Amino acid sequence: MATWDYQPYPYPFTLFRGKIQWPLGRNLPLLGFTPEIAPAPVEVRHLPGHHGYMFVEPHVNELVAELEDWVDRHAGQPAPTPFDATPEAAPHSPTPAEVARP
């Protein structure tokens, strides 16, 4: 059961995803980033291997190339600020102690 107070992320983002999917993720091309959670466009970049292998040789080299390409394409663009900078404005997710309270 989810205990977090999920807030939609209204900005476009890039999902780096392994080409090999575990059985539970095969039918989820955006891995659960539904329009309710991610209303802006989601760019999917497929990398060799599965999630765990994206960070080890030789696949990490492909990840580095994809990240470098992403940085080059987005250079000079302002970073989105999804939430106000004040702590009061940030969405609250309960701490484990808050979740455990009866």
C-alpha atoms as a PDB file:
ATOM      1  CA  MET A   1       0.000   0.000   0.000  1.00  0.00           C
ATOM      2  CA  ALA A   2       1.420   3.384  -0.969  1.00  0.00           C
ATOM      3  CA  THR A   3       1.784   5.784   1.917  1.00  0.00           C
ATOM      4  CA  TRP A   4       3.263   8.724   0.051  1.00  0.00           C
ATOM      5  CA  ASP A   5       1.402  11.859  -0.898  1.00  0.00           C
ATOM      6  CA  TYR A   6       2.151  11.728  -4.623  1.00  0.00           C
ATOM      7  CA  GLN A   7       1.995  14.995  -6.513  1.00  0.00           C
ATOM      8  CA  PRO A   8       1.852  15.235 -10.324  1.00  0.00           C
ATOM      9  CA  TYR A   9       5.149  16.291 -11.890  1.00  0.00           C
ATOM     10  CA  PRO A  10       4.020  18.867 -14.470  1.00  0.00           C
ATOM     11  CA  TYR A  11       7.278  19.125 -16.442  1.00  0.00           C
ATOM     12  CA  PRO A  12       8.603  16.975 -19.292  1.00  0.00           C
ATOM     13  CA  PHE A  13      11.220  14.441 -18.267  1.00  0.00           C
ATOM     14  CA  THR A  14      13.286  11.621 -19.701  1.00  0.00           C
ATOM     15  CA  LEU A  15      12.962   8.009 -18.601  1.00  0.00           C
ATOM     16  CA  PHE A  16      16.075   5.892 -19.189  1.00  0.00           C
ATOM     17  CA  ARG A  17      14.834   2.328 -19.470  1.00  0.00           C
ATOM     18  CA  GLY A  18      16.512  -1.016 -20.096  1.00  0.00           C
ATOM     19  CA  LYS A  19      15.580  -2.815 -23.316  1.00  0.00           C
ATOM     20  CA  ILE A  20      15.176  -6.070 -21.370  1.00  0.00           C
ATOM     21  CA  GLN A  21      12.187  -5.835 -19.047  1.00  0.00           C
ATOM     22  CA  TRP A  22      11.244  -7.909 -16.055  1.00  0.00           C
ATOM     23  CA  PRO A  23       7.881  -9.627 -16.534  1.00  0.00           C
ATOM     24  CA  LEU A  24       5.994  -7.054 -14.435  1.00  0.00           C
ATOM     25  CA  GLY A  25       7.300  -4.107 -16.462  1.00  0.00           C
ATOM     26  CA  ARG A  26       6.906  -5.462 -19.992  1.00  0.00           C
ATOM     27  CA  ASN A  27       3.414  -4.058 -20.472  1.00  0.00           C
ATOM     28  CA  LEU A  28       4.187  -0.705 -18.855  1.00  0.00           C
ATOM     29  CA  PRO A  29       6.000   1.360 -21.493  1.00  0.00           C
ATOM     30  CA  LEU A  30       6.158   4.369 -19.153  1.00  0.00           C
ATOM     31  CA  LEU A  31       6.619   2.275 -15.985  1.00  0.00           C
ATOM     32  CA  GLY A  32       3.530   3.690 -14.341  1.00  0.00           C
ATOM     33  CA  PHE A  33       4.087   7.348 -15.198  1.00  0.00           C
ATOM     34  CA  THR A  34       0.449   7.818 -16.138  1.00  0.00           C
ATOM     35  CA  PRO A  35      -0.935  11.188 -17.318  1.00  0.00           C
ATOM     36  CA  GLU A  36      -2.237  11.732 -13.783  1.00  0.00           C
ATOM     37  CA  ILE A  37       1.301  11.506 -12.385  1.00  0.00           C
ATOM     38  CA  ALA A  38       3.235  12.879 -15.366  1.00  0.00           C
ATOM     39  CA  PRO A  39       0.914  15.064 -17.468  1.00  0.00           C
ATOM     40  CA  ALA A  40       3.758  16.526 -19.542  1.00  0.00           C
ATOM     41  CA  PRO A  41       5.512  14.502 -22.259  1.00  0.00           C
ATOM     42  CA  VAL A  42       7.748  11.662 -21.107  1.00  0.00           C
ATOM     43  CA  GLU A  43      10.698  10.890 -23.379  1.00  0.00           C
ATOM     44  CA  VAL A  44      11.775   7.247 -23.161  1.00  0.00           C
ATOM     45  CA  ARG A  45      15.370   6.310 -23.995  1.00  0.00           C
ATOM     46  CA  HIS A  46      16.017   2.564 -24.213  1.00  0.00           C
ATOM     47  CA  LEU A  47      19.381   1.244 -23.087  1.00  0.00           C
ATOM     48  CA  PRO A  48      20.958  -2.197 -23.496  1.00  0.00           C
ATOM     49  CA  GLY A  49      20.310  -4.804 -20.838  1.00  0.00           C
ATOM     50  CA  HIS A  50      17.910  -4.495 -17.935  1.00  0.00           C
ATOM     51  CA  HIS A  51      17.755  -1.907 -15.180  1.00  0.00           C
ATOM     52  CA  GLY A  52      20.477  -3.443 -13.029  1.00  0.00           C
ATOM     53  CA  TYR A  53      22.917  -3.713 -15.916  1.00  0.00           C
ATOM     54  CA  MET A  54      22.618  -0.099 -17.108  1.00  0.00           C
ATOM     55  CA  PHE A  55      25.196   0.877 -14.479  1.00  0.00           C
ATOM     56  CA  VAL A  56      27.905  -1.712 -15.197  1.00  0.00           C
ATOM     57  CA  GLU A  57      30.352  -2.287 -18.066  1.00  0.00           C
ATOM     58  CA  PRO A  58      29.808  -2.354 -20.962  1.00  0.00           C
ATOM     59  CA  HIS A  59      26.264  -0.907 -20.695  1.00  0.00           C
ATOM     60  CA  VAL A  60      27.265   2.057 -18.541  1.00  0.00           C
ATOM     61  CA  ASN A  61      29.073   3.500 -21.581  1.00  0.00           C
ATOM     62  CA  GLU A  62      25.741   3.666 -23.433  1.00  0.00           C
ATOM     63  CA  LEU A  63      24.130   5.326 -20.421  1.00  0.00           C
ATOM     64  CA  VAL A  64      26.923   7.912 -20.331  1.00  0.00           C
ATOM     65  CA  ALA A  65      26.452   8.617 -24.057  1.00  0.00           C
ATOM     66  CA  GLU A  66      22.683   9.019 -23.587  1.00  0.00           C
ATOM     67  CA  LEU A  67      23.169  11.346 -20.611  1.00  0.00           C
ATOM     68  CA  GLU A  68      25.725  13.424 -22.510  1.00  0.00           C
ATOM     69  CA  ASP A  69      23.288  13.707 -25.423  1.00  0.00           C
ATOM     70  CA  TRP A  70      20.507  14.715 -23.025  1.00  0.00           C
ATOM     71  CA  VAL A  71      22.696  17.404 -21.433  1.00  0.00           C
ATOM     72  CA  ASP A  72      23.736  18.736 -24.849  1.00  0.00           C
ATOM     73  CA  ARG A  73      20.099  18.963 -25.995  1.00  0.00           C
ATOM     74  CA  HIS A  74      18.986  20.740 -22.822  1.00  0.00           C
ATOM     75  CA  ALA A  75      21.978  23.027 -22.288  1.00  0.00           C
ATOM     76  CA  GLY A  76      20.959  26.589 -21.611  1.00  0.00           C
ATOM     77  CA  GLN A  77      17.360  25.744 -20.766  1.00  0.00           C
ATOM     78  CA  PRO A  78      16.189  26.829 -17.324  1.00  0.00           C
ATOM     79  CA  ALA A  79      15.632  24.020 -14.878  1.00  0.00           C
ATOM     80  CA  PRO A  80      12.007  23.559 -13.870  1.00  0.00           C
ATOM     81  CA  THR A  81      11.048  24.447 -10.330  1.00  0.00           C
ATOM     82  CA  PRO A  82       8.141  22.128  -9.586  1.00  0.00           C
ATOM     83  CA  PHE A  83       7.596  23.369  -6.051  1.00  0.00           C
ATOM     84  CA  ASP A  84       7.981  26.627  -4.253  1.00  0.00           C
ATOM     85  CA  ALA A  85      11.374  26.863  -2.528  1.00  0.00           C
ATOM     86  CA  THR A  86       9.839  27.241   0.928  1.00  0.00           C
ATOM     87  CA  PRO A  87       9.565  24.087   3.053  1.00  0.00           C
ATOM     88  CA  GLU A  88       5.916  24.892   3.765  1.00  0.00           C
ATOM     89  CA  ALA A  89       5.092  24.723   0.045  1.00  0.00           C
ATOM     90  CA  ALA A  90       6.757  21.348  -0.582  1.00  0.00           C
ATOM     91  CA  PRO A  91       4.469  18.312  -0.666  1.00  0.00           C
ATOM     92  CA  HIS A  92       4.578  16.307   2.534  1.00  0.00           C
ATOM     93  CA  SER A  93       5.356  12.629   2.540  1.00  0.00           C
ATOM     94  CA  PRO A  94       4.844  10.883   5.883  1.00  0.00           C
ATOM     95  CA  THR A  95       7.857   9.663   7.786  1.00  0.00           C
ATOM     96  CA  PRO A  96       8.011   5.995   8.862  1.00  0.00           C
ATOM     97  CA  ALA A  97       7.079   7.118  12.397  1.00  0.00           C
ATOM     98  CA  GLU A  98       3.987   8.921  11.096  1.00  0.00           C
ATOM     99  CA  VAL A  99       2.945   5.865   9.087  1.00  0.00           C
ATOM    100  CA  ALA A 100       3.376   3.575  12.102  1.00  0.00           C
ATOM    101  CA  ARG A 101       1.116   5.659  14.357  1.00  0.00           C
ATOM    102  CA  PRO A 102      -2.163   3.935  15.205  1.00  0.00           C
END
